[in-house]
Amino acid sequence: MELGQDPRTPLIDMHTPSVARMYDWLLGGVENYDSDRKACAQLLDIAPSTQLLARNNRAFLRRVVRVLVEDYGIRQFLDHGSGLPTQDNVHEVAQRSDPACKVAYIDNDPMVLAHAQTTLHENHGTLVIPKDMRLTGEIRADTDGFLDWSRPVAALFVSVLHCLPDTDDDNDPAAVVRRTAALLPPGSFMVICQLVSDDARVRQDVTRLMEVTTHGNWGRVREPHEVRRYFDGLDILAPGLVDVVDWHPDTRPPPPENRPTDWVEWGGVGRL
C-alpha cells in the first residue's frame, strides 16, 4: 500500500453513526459500534430490504470489477468512498484476475483509513487517499506516479452518491461525476449506482433519518431518472441502467414478485 499526501487519521467518533460502519454491519462485519447498529435497526424499520440491498450491491461490485478486468482490459481503478467491506475489496477482485491491477481508494472516514492502513500495508498495488471524493483535482494529483493516466481507468461511485447532498455548486453529485469523467483518459469507464425509491415516504423518511443520525453526513435517496443524468455523455454498456441484481448476474435474478418494493440499488456502467 502507498499512502496519499496526508497520512493523518482523524479521531474516530464512536457515538455518531457512520455510513461506512453501518454498511459494514449490514454486510455482517464487525468494524462497527452500538450507535451504528441502532441506526441500522431504525433504517430497517423504514426499509426492511436494506440488508439484502447491501449484499446485492456488494455482489454487483465484485461482478463489475471482474468484467472490466477480464472483458475490457481495465487494470486501474479509482474507488470513491471505499468503505469497510468484510471481504472482496476492489483490489482483491481485480488482482485475482490480474495481479498487476492497481486500485486507488478514496475515503475520509477515520475508521476506513485506520482499517486500510493496517490491512493493505503489504499490497503495493493499492493507494489510499484520505480525502473527500468531491476534491477531484486533488485526487487526480495524488495518483500521479501510481496510476498511469495515459491508459484507461475505471472510476467507481458504487452506493456512495446518495451520501452527497444536492447543491448549486461544484459539490453537487452530478458535478462531481462530470469533473471525474473529464479527468479520465479515453476508453475509461464510470461505474455508478445509488439507492433509489419510487416510494416518496421511503425517500423522505430514510433521508431524514440519515441526515439526523449522521449529523449531516448524508445526501438524499433519489429516483431513477435523477441518477440517469449522471450518465449524460457516456456510452452506457448493456444491459443499461438497472437494478444492480440485473447487471450481468451470475445466477438467475429474482422474479418481480420476490424483489424489494421499498428501494433498490440502481445504476450501471458508462464508457467514455
C-alpha atoms as a PDB file:
ATOM      1  CA  MET A   1       0.000   0.000   0.000  1.00  0.00           C
ATOM      2  CA  GLU A   2       1.012   3.573  -0.670  1.00  0.00           C
ATOM      3  CA  LEU A   3      -0.397   6.497   1.281  1.00  0.00           C
ATOM      4  CA  GLY A   4      -1.720   9.737  -0.149  1.00  0.00           C
ATOM      5  CA  GLN A   5      -0.272  13.106   0.747  1.00  0.00           C
ATOM      6  CA  ASP A   6      -1.986  13.454   4.156  1.00  0.00           C
ATOM      7  CA  PRO A   7      -1.244  10.404   6.374  1.00  0.00           C
ATOM      8  CA  ARG A   8      -3.017  11.813   9.443  1.00  0.00           C
ATOM      9  CA  THR A   9      -6.060   9.879  10.641  1.00  0.00           C
ATOM     10  CA  PRO A  10      -8.733  11.906  12.490  1.00  0.00           C
ATOM     11  CA  LEU A  11     -10.194  10.630  15.735  1.00  0.00           C
ATOM     12  CA  ILE A  12     -12.974   8.065  15.412  1.00  0.00           C
ATOM     13  CA  ASP A  13     -16.355   9.210  16.748  1.00  0.00           C
ATOM     14  CA  MET A  14     -17.936   6.094  18.269  1.00  0.00           C
ATOM     15  CA  HIS A  15     -21.181   7.863  19.188  1.00  0.00           C
ATOM     16  CA  THR A  16     -22.202   9.272  15.806  1.00  0.00           C
ATOM     17  CA  PRO A  17     -23.251   6.631  13.258  1.00  0.00           C
ATOM     18  CA  SER A  18     -21.042   6.366  10.185  1.00  0.00           C
ATOM     19  CA  VAL A  19     -22.385   5.325   6.794  1.00  0.00           C
ATOM     20  CA  ALA A  20     -19.284   3.169   6.244  1.00  0.00           C
ATOM     21  CA  ARG A  21     -19.689   1.378   9.578  1.00  0.00           C
ATOM     22  CA  MET A  22     -23.432   0.915   9.054  1.00  0.00           C
ATOM     23  CA  TYR A  23     -22.719  -0.662   5.678  1.00  0.00           C
ATOM     24  CA  ASP A  24     -20.145  -2.888   7.340  1.00  0.00           C
ATOM     25  CA  TRP A  25     -22.768  -4.120   9.841  1.00  0.00           C
ATOM     26  CA  LEU A  26     -25.302  -4.735   7.055  1.00  0.00           C
ATOM     27  CA  LEU A  27     -22.706  -6.938   5.336  1.00  0.00           C
ATOM     28  CA  GLY A  28     -22.103  -8.912   8.529  1.00  0.00           C
ATOM     29  CA  GLY A  29     -18.879  -7.167   9.506  1.00  0.00           C
ATOM     30  CA  VAL A  30     -17.534  -6.354  12.962  1.00  0.00           C
ATOM     31  CA  GLU A  31     -15.984  -2.924  12.328  1.00  0.00           C
ATOM     32  CA  ASN A  32     -18.930  -1.032  13.834  1.00  0.00           C
ATOM     33  CA  TYR A  33     -20.264   0.323  17.116  1.00  0.00           C
ATOM     34  CA  ASP A  34     -23.525   0.321  19.049  1.00  0.00           C
ATOM     35  CA  SER A  35     -24.508   3.675  17.537  1.00  0.00           C
ATOM     36  CA  ASP A  36     -24.179   2.200  14.035  1.00  0.00           C
ATOM     37  CA  ARG A  37     -26.214  -0.888  14.912  1.00  0.00           C
ATOM     38  CA  LYS A  38     -29.008   1.191  16.446  1.00  0.00           C
ATOM     39  CA  ALA A  39     -29.122   3.386  13.344  1.00  0.00           C
ATOM     40  CA  CYS A  40     -29.324   0.275  11.148  1.00  0.00           C
ATOM     41  CA  ALA A  41     -32.243  -1.010  13.226  1.00  0.00           C
ATOM     42  CA  GLN A  42     -34.099   2.265  12.607  1.00  0.00           C
ATOM     43  CA  LEU A  43     -33.240   2.095   8.917  1.00  0.00           C
ATOM     44  CA  LEU A  44     -34.572  -1.457   8.658  1.00  0.00           C
ATOM     45  CA  ASP A  45     -37.850  -0.332  10.226  1.00  0.00           C
ATOM     46  CA  ILE A  46     -38.309   2.098   7.331  1.00  0.00           C
ATOM     47  CA  ALA A  47     -36.863  -0.063   4.539  1.00  0.00           C
ATOM     48  CA  PRO A  48     -36.815  -3.765   5.533  1.00  0.00           C
ATOM     49  CA  SER A  49     -34.882  -4.827   2.423  1.00  0.00           C
ATOM     50  CA  THR A  50     -31.830  -2.719   3.317  1.00  0.00           C
ATOM     51  CA  GLN A  51     -29.621  -5.650   4.352  1.00  0.00           C
ATOM     52  CA  LEU A  52     -30.466  -7.536   1.168  1.00  0.00           C
ATOM     53  CA  LEU A  53     -29.683  -4.441  -0.887  1.00  0.00           C
ATOM     54  CA  ALA A  54     -26.278  -4.077   0.762  1.00  0.00           C
ATOM     55  CA  ARG A  55     -25.412  -7.662  -0.141  1.00  0.00           C
ATOM     56  CA  ASN A  56     -26.750  -7.271  -3.689  1.00  0.00           C
ATOM     57  CA  ASN A  57     -24.644  -4.144  -4.075  1.00  0.00           C
ATOM     58  CA  ARG A  58     -21.501  -5.916  -2.881  1.00  0.00           C
ATOM     59  CA  ALA A  59     -22.142  -8.729  -5.360  1.00  0.00           C
ATOM     60  CA  PHE A  60     -22.565  -6.148  -8.146  1.00  0.00           C
ATOM     61  CA  LEU A  61     -19.224  -4.567  -7.230  1.00  0.00           C
ATOM     62  CA  ARG A  62     -17.495  -7.942  -7.493  1.00  0.00           C
ATOM     63  CA  ARG A  63     -19.088  -8.653 -10.867  1.00  0.00           C
ATOM     64  CA  VAL A  64     -18.423  -5.259 -12.396  1.00  0.00           C
ATOM     65  CA  VAL A  65     -14.752  -5.223 -11.394  1.00  0.00           C
ATOM     66  CA  ARG A  66     -14.253  -8.736 -12.746  1.00  0.00           C
ATOM     67  CA  VAL A  67     -15.996  -7.893 -16.034  1.00  0.00           C
ATOM     68  CA  LEU A  68     -13.988  -4.706 -16.503  1.00  0.00           C
ATOM     69  CA  VAL A  69     -10.698  -6.554 -15.939  1.00  0.00           C
ATOM     70  CA  GLU A  70     -11.446  -9.708 -17.906  1.00  0.00           C
ATOM     71  CA  ASP A  71     -13.637  -8.388 -20.736  1.00  0.00           C
ATOM     72  CA  TYR A  72     -12.414  -4.807 -21.185  1.00  0.00           C
ATOM     73  CA  GLY A  73      -8.763  -4.971 -20.140  1.00  0.00           C
ATOM     74  CA  ILE A  74      -9.032  -2.414 -17.322  1.00  0.00           C
ATOM     75  CA  ARG A  75      -6.111  -2.581 -14.889  1.00  0.00           C
ATOM     76  CA  GLN A  76      -6.585   0.668 -12.944  1.00  0.00           C
ATOM     77  CA  PHE A  77      -9.400   1.649 -10.583  1.00  0.00           C
ATOM     78  CA  LEU A  78     -10.411   4.735  -8.590  1.00  0.00           C
ATOM     79  CA  ASP A  79     -12.774   3.603  -5.819  1.00  0.00           C
ATOM     80  CA  HIS A  80     -14.625   6.602  -4.368  1.00  0.00           C
ATOM     81  CA  GLY A  81     -15.984   6.072  -0.864  1.00  0.00           C
ATOM     82  CA  SER A  82     -14.385   2.653  -0.500  1.00  0.00           C
ATOM     83  CA  GLY A  83     -15.870   1.906   2.936  1.00  0.00           C
ATOM     84  CA  LEU A  84     -15.276  -1.048   5.242  1.00  0.00           C
ATOM     85  CA  PRO A  85     -16.007  -4.252   3.302  1.00  0.00           C
ATOM     86  CA  THR A  86     -15.815  -7.534   5.164  1.00  0.00           C
ATOM     87  CA  GLN A  87     -14.383  -9.304   2.125  1.00  0.00           C
ATOM     88  CA  ASP A  88     -13.590  -8.833  -1.557  1.00  0.00           C
ATOM     89  CA  ASN A  89     -12.167  -5.360  -1.729  1.00  0.00           C
ATOM     90  CA  VAL A  90     -11.824  -4.000  -5.263  1.00  0.00           C
ATOM     91  CA  HIS A  91      -8.112  -4.849  -5.367  1.00  0.00           C
ATOM     92  CA  GLU A  92      -8.779  -8.427  -4.254  1.00  0.00           C
ATOM     93  CA  VAL A  93     -11.293  -8.994  -7.042  1.00  0.00           C
ATOM     94  CA  ALA A  94      -9.176  -7.257  -9.681  1.00  0.00           C
ATOM     95  CA  GLN A  95      -5.879  -8.853  -8.675  1.00  0.00           C
ATOM     96  CA  ARG A  96      -7.393 -12.336  -8.727  1.00  0.00           C
ATOM     97  CA  SER A  97      -7.840 -11.792 -12.468  1.00  0.00           C
ATOM     98  CA  ASP A  98      -4.525  -9.943 -12.927  1.00  0.00           C
ATOM     99  CA  PRO A  99      -2.076  -9.334 -10.059  1.00  0.00           C
ATOM    100  CA  ALA A 100      -0.809  -6.230 -11.889  1.00  0.00           C
ATOM    101  CA  CYS A 101      -4.074  -4.336 -11.290  1.00  0.00           C
ATOM    102  CA  LYS A 102      -3.835  -1.126  -9.266  1.00  0.00           C
ATOM    103  CA  VAL A 103      -6.537   0.398  -7.074  1.00  0.00           C
ATOM    104  CA  ALA A 104      -6.643   3.864  -5.521  1.00  0.00           C
ATOM    105  CA  TYR A 105      -9.090   4.039  -2.619  1.00  0.00           C
ATOM    106  CA  ILE A 106     -10.592   7.418  -1.716  1.00  0.00           C
ATOM    107  CA  ASP A 107     -12.325   7.913   1.635  1.00  0.00           C
ATOM    108  CA  ASN A 108     -12.300  10.368   4.523  1.00  0.00           C
ATOM    109  CA  ASP A 109     -13.928   8.209   7.209  1.00  0.00           C
ATOM    110  CA  PRO A 110     -11.392   7.834  10.077  1.00  0.00           C
ATOM    111  CA  MET A 111     -12.183   4.164  10.664  1.00  0.00           C
ATOM    112  CA  VAL A 112     -11.894   3.353   6.961  1.00  0.00           C
ATOM    113  CA  LEU A 113      -8.455   4.969   6.894  1.00  0.00           C
ATOM    114  CA  ALA A 114      -7.301   3.127  10.020  1.00  0.00           C
ATOM    115  CA  HIS A 115      -8.590  -0.147   8.579  1.00  0.00           C
ATOM    116  CA  ALA A 116      -6.802   0.467   5.270  1.00  0.00           C
ATOM    117  CA  GLN A 117      -3.502   1.297   6.927  1.00  0.00           C
ATOM    118  CA  THR A 118      -3.496  -1.972   8.874  1.00  0.00           C
ATOM    119  CA  THR A 119      -4.768  -4.327   6.166  1.00  0.00           C
ATOM    120  CA  LEU A 120      -3.238  -3.012   2.935  1.00  0.00           C
ATOM    121  CA  HIS A 121       0.332  -2.263   4.018  1.00  0.00           C
ATOM    122  CA  GLU A 122       1.800  -5.259   2.156  1.00  0.00           C
ATOM    123  CA  ASN A 123      -0.091  -4.708  -1.099  1.00  0.00           C
ATOM    124  CA  HIS A 124       1.912  -2.426  -3.377  1.00  0.00           C
ATOM    125  CA  GLY A 125      -0.908  -2.317  -5.923  1.00  0.00           C
ATOM    126  CA  THR A 126      -3.062  -0.148  -3.656  1.00  0.00           C
ATOM    127  CA  LEU A 127      -3.038   3.530  -2.769  1.00  0.00           C
ATOM    128  CA  VAL A 128      -5.151   5.107  -0.014  1.00  0.00           C
ATOM    129  CA  ILE A 129      -6.103   8.749  -0.467  1.00  0.00           C
ATOM    130  CA  PRO A 130      -7.586  10.296   2.707  1.00  0.00           C
ATOM    131  CA  LYS A 131      -9.811  12.855   1.017  1.00  0.00           C
ATOM    132  CA  ASP A 132     -13.390  13.834   0.365  1.00  0.00           C
ATOM    133  CA  MET A 133     -14.430  12.370  -3.004  1.00  0.00           C
ATOM    134  CA  ARG A 134     -15.513  15.846  -4.135  1.00  0.00           C
ATOM    135  CA  LEU A 135     -11.884  17.013  -4.273  1.00  0.00           C
ATOM    136  CA  THR A 136     -11.458  15.611  -7.765  1.00  0.00           C
ATOM    137  CA  GLY A 137      -8.464  17.725  -8.789  1.00  0.00           C
ATOM    138  CA  GLU A 138      -6.520  16.847  -5.637  1.00  0.00           C
ATOM    139  CA  ILE A 139      -7.362  13.168  -6.055  1.00  0.00           C
ATOM    140  CA  ARG A 140      -6.045  13.281  -9.620  1.00  0.00           C
ATOM    141  CA  ALA A 141      -2.809  14.895  -8.430  1.00  0.00           C
ATOM    142  CA  ASP A 142      -2.394  12.388  -5.583  1.00  0.00           C
ATOM    143  CA  THR A 143      -2.497   9.464  -8.007  1.00  0.00           C
ATOM    144  CA  ASP A 144       0.335  10.753 -10.203  1.00  0.00           C
ATOM    145  CA  GLY A 145       3.148   8.233 -10.141  1.00  0.00           C
ATOM    146  CA  PHE A 146       0.791   5.477  -9.031  1.00  0.00           C
ATOM    147  CA  LEU A 147      -1.755   5.300 -11.852  1.00  0.00           C
ATOM    148  CA  ASP A 148      -0.744   5.653 -15.487  1.00  0.00           C
ATOM    149  CA  TRP A 149      -3.024   8.414 -16.722  1.00  0.00           C
ATOM    150  CA  SER A 150      -2.213   7.677 -20.349  1.00  0.00           C
ATOM    151  CA  ARG A 151      -4.179   4.413 -20.009  1.00  0.00           C
ATOM    152  CA  PRO A 152      -7.883   3.811 -19.230  1.00  0.00           C
ATOM    153  CA  VAL A 153      -9.112   3.984 -15.637  1.00  0.00           C
ATOM    154  CA  ALA A 154     -12.385   2.778 -14.116  1.00  0.00           C
ATOM    155  CA  ALA A 155     -13.858   5.301 -11.670  1.00  0.00           C
ATOM    156  CA  LEU A 156     -16.207   3.677  -9.166  1.00  0.00           C
ATOM    157  CA  PHE A 157     -19.048   5.515  -7.421  1.00  0.00           C
ATOM    158  CA  VAL A 158     -20.762   2.438  -6.012  1.00  0.00           C
ATOM    159  CA  SER A 159     -23.531   3.114  -3.477  1.00  0.00           C
ATOM    160  CA  VAL A 160     -21.946   6.385  -2.413  1.00  0.00           C
ATOM    161  CA  LEU A 161     -23.525   9.322  -4.258  1.00  0.00           C
ATOM    162  CA  HIS A 162     -26.606   9.204  -2.026  1.00  0.00           C
ATOM    163  CA  CYS A 163     -24.199  10.347   0.720  1.00  0.00           C
ATOM    164  CA  LEU A 164     -23.740  13.674  -1.094  1.00  0.00           C
ATOM    165  CA  PRO A 165     -26.389  16.409  -0.832  1.00  0.00           C
ATOM    166  CA  ASP A 166     -27.681  18.371  -3.794  1.00  0.00           C
ATOM    167  CA  THR A 167     -26.018  21.765  -4.086  1.00  0.00           C
ATOM    168  CA  ASP A 168     -25.867  24.653  -6.518  1.00  0.00           C
ATOM    169  CA  ASP A 169     -22.084  24.480  -6.856  1.00  0.00           C
ATOM    170  CA  ASP A 170     -19.323  22.069  -7.853  1.00  0.00           C
ATOM    171  CA  ASN A 171     -20.048  19.853  -4.836  1.00  0.00           C
ATOM    172  CA  ASP A 172     -23.278  18.595  -6.395  1.00  0.00           C
ATOM    173  CA  PRO A 173     -23.102  14.827  -7.085  1.00  0.00           C
ATOM    174  CA  ALA A 174     -23.696  15.274 -10.812  1.00  0.00           C
ATOM    175  CA  ALA A 175     -20.938  17.907 -10.958  1.00  0.00           C
ATOM    176  CA  VAL A 176     -18.517  15.577  -9.129  1.00  0.00           C
ATOM    177  CA  VAL A 177     -19.268  12.831 -11.651  1.00  0.00           C
ATOM    178  CA  ARG A 178     -18.757  15.210 -14.598  1.00  0.00           C
ATOM    179  CA  ARG A 179     -15.445  16.503 -13.239  1.00  0.00           C
ATOM    180  CA  THR A 180     -14.192  12.986 -12.624  1.00  0.00           C
ATOM    181  CA  ALA A 181     -15.176  11.873 -16.125  1.00  0.00           C
ATOM    182  CA  ALA A 182     -13.427  14.905 -17.621  1.00  0.00           C
ATOM    183  CA  LEU A 183     -10.158  13.855 -15.970  1.00  0.00           C
ATOM    184  CA  LEU A 184     -10.219  10.278 -17.240  1.00  0.00           C
ATOM    185  CA  PRO A 185      -8.289   9.122 -20.337  1.00  0.00           C
ATOM    186  CA  PRO A 186     -10.237   7.967 -23.422  1.00  0.00           C
ATOM    187  CA  GLY A 187     -11.537   4.429 -23.106  1.00  0.00           C
ATOM    188  CA  SER A 188     -12.129   4.789 -19.363  1.00  0.00           C
ATOM    189  CA  PHE A 189     -15.274   3.726 -17.530  1.00  0.00           C
ATOM    190  CA  MET A 190     -17.630   5.187 -14.932  1.00  0.00           C
ATOM    191  CA  VAL A 191     -19.404   2.742 -12.605  1.00  0.00           C
ATOM    192  CA  ILE A 192     -22.286   4.437 -10.795  1.00  0.00           C
ATOM    193  CA  CYS A 193     -25.152   3.200  -8.664  1.00  0.00           C
ATOM    194  CA  GLN A 194     -27.049   4.593  -5.724  1.00  0.00           C
ATOM    195  CA  LEU A 195     -30.107   3.926  -3.579  1.00  0.00           C
ATOM    196  CA  VAL A 196     -33.342   4.952  -5.288  1.00  0.00           C
ATOM    197  CA  SER A 197     -37.030   4.562  -4.494  1.00  0.00           C
ATOM    198  CA  ASP A 198     -40.341   5.193  -6.211  1.00  0.00           C
ATOM    199  CA  ASP A 199     -41.933   5.491  -2.757  1.00  0.00           C
ATOM    200  CA  ALA A 200     -41.917   9.121  -1.607  1.00  0.00           C
ATOM    201  CA  ARG A 201     -42.338   8.076   2.029  1.00  0.00           C
ATOM    202  CA  VAL A 202     -39.236   5.875   1.905  1.00  0.00           C
ATOM    203  CA  ARG A 203     -37.217   8.637   0.232  1.00  0.00           C
ATOM    204  CA  GLN A 204     -38.280  11.199   2.793  1.00  0.00           C
ATOM    205  CA  ASP A 205     -38.062   9.015   5.910  1.00  0.00           C
ATOM    206  CA  VAL A 206     -34.676   7.480   5.082  1.00  0.00           C
ATOM    207  CA  THR A 207     -33.224  10.836   4.108  1.00  0.00           C
ATOM    208  CA  ARG A 208     -34.490  12.420   7.327  1.00  0.00           C
ATOM    209  CA  LEU A 209     -33.198   9.559   9.497  1.00  0.00           C
ATOM    210  CA  MET A 210     -29.751   9.512   7.929  1.00  0.00           C
ATOM    211  CA  GLU A 211     -29.424  13.296   7.961  1.00  0.00           C
ATOM    212  CA  VAL A 212     -30.102  13.360  11.722  1.00  0.00           C
ATOM    213  CA  THR A 213     -28.176  10.259  12.799  1.00  0.00           C
ATOM    214  CA  THR A 214     -25.009  11.050  10.801  1.00  0.00           C
ATOM    215  CA  HIS A 215     -25.060  14.738  11.805  1.00  0.00           C
ATOM    216  CA  GLY A 216     -25.424  15.870   8.228  1.00  0.00           C
ATOM    217  CA  ASN A 217     -23.072  13.405   6.525  1.00  0.00           C
ATOM    218  CA  TRP A 218     -25.751  12.314   4.104  1.00  0.00           C
ATOM    219  CA  GLY A 219     -27.340  13.363   0.859  1.00  0.00           C
ATOM    220  CA  ARG A 220     -30.649  12.061  -0.447  1.00  0.00           C
ATOM    221  CA  VAL A 221     -32.424   8.936  -1.634  1.00  0.00           C
ATOM    222  CA  ARG A 222     -33.225   9.744  -5.251  1.00  0.00           C
ATOM    223  CA  GLU A 223     -35.377   8.485  -8.110  1.00  0.00           C
ATOM    224  CA  PRO A 224     -34.025   6.552 -11.121  1.00  0.00           C
ATOM    225  CA  HIS A 225     -34.478   9.460 -13.538  1.00  0.00           C
ATOM    226  CA  GLU A 226     -32.231  11.609 -11.313  1.00  0.00           C
ATOM    227  CA  VAL A 227     -29.431   9.041 -11.399  1.00  0.00           C
ATOM    228  CA  ARG A 228     -29.751   8.744 -15.178  1.00  0.00           C
ATOM    229  CA  ARG A 229     -28.350  12.256 -15.618  1.00  0.00           C
ATOM    230  CA  TYR A 230     -25.063  11.127 -14.050  1.00  0.00           C
ATOM    231  CA  PHE A 231     -24.517   9.178 -17.275  1.00  0.00           C
ATOM    232  CA  ASP A 232     -25.009  12.114 -19.648  1.00  0.00           C
ATOM    233  CA  GLY A 233     -22.392  11.947 -22.396  1.00  0.00           C
ATOM    234  CA  LEU A 234     -21.385   8.360 -21.621  1.00  0.00           C
ATOM    235  CA  ASP A 235     -21.896   5.248 -23.741  1.00  0.00           C
ATOM    236  CA  ILE A 236     -23.903   3.033 -21.384  1.00  0.00           C
ATOM    237  CA  LEU A 237     -22.966  -0.640 -21.513  1.00  0.00           C
ATOM    238  CA  ALA A 238     -25.640  -3.337 -21.834  1.00  0.00           C
ATOM    239  CA  PRO A 239     -27.940  -4.096 -20.120  1.00  0.00           C
ATOM    240  CA  GLY A 240     -28.292  -0.361 -19.475  1.00  0.00           C
ATOM    241  CA  LEU A 241     -29.241   1.287 -16.183  1.00  0.00           C
ATOM    242  CA  VAL A 242     -30.939  -1.289 -13.986  1.00  0.00           C
ATOM    243  CA  ASP A 243     -31.456  -2.699 -10.528  1.00  0.00           C
ATOM    244  CA  VAL A 244     -27.898  -3.933  -9.918  1.00  0.00           C
ATOM    245  CA  VAL A 245     -29.061  -7.550  -9.485  1.00  0.00           C
ATOM    246  CA  ASP A 246     -29.812  -7.466 -13.224  1.00  0.00           C
ATOM    247  CA  TRP A 247     -26.330  -6.304 -14.278  1.00  0.00           C
ATOM    248  CA  HIS A 248     -24.566  -9.390 -15.721  1.00  0.00           C
ATOM    249  CA  PRO A 249     -25.891 -11.671 -12.956  1.00  0.00           C
ATOM    250  CA  ASP A 250     -24.011 -14.848 -12.046  1.00  0.00           C
ATOM    251  CA  THR A 251     -27.301 -16.573 -11.210  1.00  0.00           C
ATOM    252  CA  ARG A 252     -30.913 -16.090 -12.258  1.00  0.00           C
ATOM    253  CA  PRO A 253     -32.180 -12.767 -10.811  1.00  0.00           C
ATOM    254  CA  PRO A 254     -35.240 -12.870  -8.543  1.00  0.00           C
ATOM    255  CA  PRO A 255     -38.647 -12.586 -10.235  1.00  0.00           C
ATOM    256  CA  PRO A 256     -40.599  -9.324  -9.783  1.00  0.00           C
ATOM    257  CA  GLU A 257     -42.780 -10.726  -7.003  1.00  0.00           C
ATOM    258  CA  ASN A 258     -39.686 -11.535  -4.896  1.00  0.00           C
ATOM    259  CA  ARG A 259     -37.987  -8.146  -5.254  1.00  0.00           C
ATOM    260  CA  PRO A 260     -37.942  -5.335  -2.704  1.00  0.00           C
ATOM    261  CA  THR A 261     -40.718  -2.785  -3.054  1.00  0.00           C
ATOM    262  CA  ASP A 262     -39.189  -0.141  -0.765  1.00  0.00           C
ATOM    263  CA  TRP A 263     -35.938   0.743  -2.539  1.00  0.00           C
ATOM    264  CA  VAL A 264     -33.174  -0.653  -4.779  1.00  0.00           C
ATOM    265  CA  GLU A 265     -29.579  -0.050  -5.816  1.00  0.00           C
ATOM    266  CA  TRP A 266     -29.865   1.316  -9.354  1.00  0.00           C
ATOM    267  CA  GLY A 267     -27.257   2.199 -11.944  1.00  0.00           C
ATOM    268  CA  GLY A 268     -24.783   0.730 -14.396  1.00  0.00           C
ATOM    269  CA  VAL A 269     -21.570   1.321 -16.325  1.00  0.00           C
ATOM    270  CA  GLY A 270     -20.734   4.073 -18.810  1.00  0.00           C
ATOM    271  CA  ARG A 271     -17.737   4.279 -21.143  1.00  0.00           C
ATOM    272  CA  LEU A 272     -16.024   7.467 -22.225  1.00  0.00           C
END
